[in-house]
Amino acid sequence: TTETYTRAQYCKWPCECPRSPPRCAVGVSLVTDGCDCCKACAKQRGESCTEADTCDFHRGLYCDYSGDRPRYEIGVCAQIVGVGCVLNGVRYKNGETFQPNCKYNCTCINGAVGCVPMCTNSRPPLVWCPNPKLIKMAGKCCEQWICDDSRKIRKTSPRHISSAAYEAEDEGWQKNCIVHTSPWSPCSKTCGLGISTRISNDNEQCRLLKESRLCNMRPCEVDITQHIKPGKKCLAVYRASEPMNYTISGCVSKSPYRPKYCGVCTDNRCCTPYKSKTIEVMFQCPDGTEFSWKIMWINACFCNLNCRNPNDIFADLAHYHDYSEIAN
């Protein structure tokens, strides 16, 4: 005799959803439920799931109903078999959540590591604070901002800091468009020709477009440490004695230039631009064709301790505050 089972119906139509979507814990996805009705916090590994309560597919989870035979109504969120991850010499299983340090919570998803910062309250004091500092507090993982009231300002500090240094973006009004322009990203290379990008809708269509410019923080072939003055540990700005031409894929700039570069330090400080502009350079190719490229023109650099490691996967997650670049 075959028993018949009446499966519970977890979805109800028409949909009845709360006015505001729920607030999910850090790292938990906000997804559309299995009824294709409302936003809900996805179920995590080991939690019960139904046709309505879906598992977090962003974490590589699926609803395993095999333990609920023969009804197959209530399952358990399980991990899809996938490739593990290796981070800093430590191997993690697919779907494993871990903290490589106290500042980040990470998850291994099929060979890729995704992390969210735990230290989110890292906005510096406002413009009234002339010299904010991010310091390590005893017994606390996340650094805290303090305002250094000392009137003695180092000679190498910038003369002024624009409000954009605190807002990290520029906004203005243009017709019926709220103009938004993000800061230029750091140069993709620490020496030699690289790329810097930004997002802006400062155009007639008010469309967000990605802009690019070439950048050259410092020449790779020059040992700038040889130009540091005796008794000093840093050279903030380096400038070659002779003009040069920019070269891209065999095409040469029509005019010679004598650009400034950011220097180097012999201690733990790094030198980054804090004042620059964008210039238009015309290039001429061997076949006679011409084209123009935007290039970053460095006016001044500042040597500081806020150095980013280009190979650090957490660099883009951290909230850095340094003497932000004043650019146009």
Foldseek 3Di string as FASTA:
>chain_A
DDDDDDADDPDDPPADEDPDEDDDDPPWDFDQFLNNHYTHTADEAFDKAFSGRAHRVVLQWGFDQVVVPPRSGIGGIDHDQADWEADPRDIDGRSDWDDPDPQWIWHTHRHDIDIAGPPDPAQEDAPVQPAKDFADDPPDDGTDIDRDPDPDDDPQDDPDADNCLRVQWDWDDDPPATKTKGDWAPFLDCADKGKIWIWILPDPVSDTDIDMAIEGQYHPVDDLVVVDDPPAFWDQKDWDPDWAWDDDPQWTFPDTGTAIHGIQGNDQKGKDAAEWEWDKTKTAHPVGDIDIGIYIGGDTIGIDNPDDDSPDPCRVNDDDRDRHHDYD
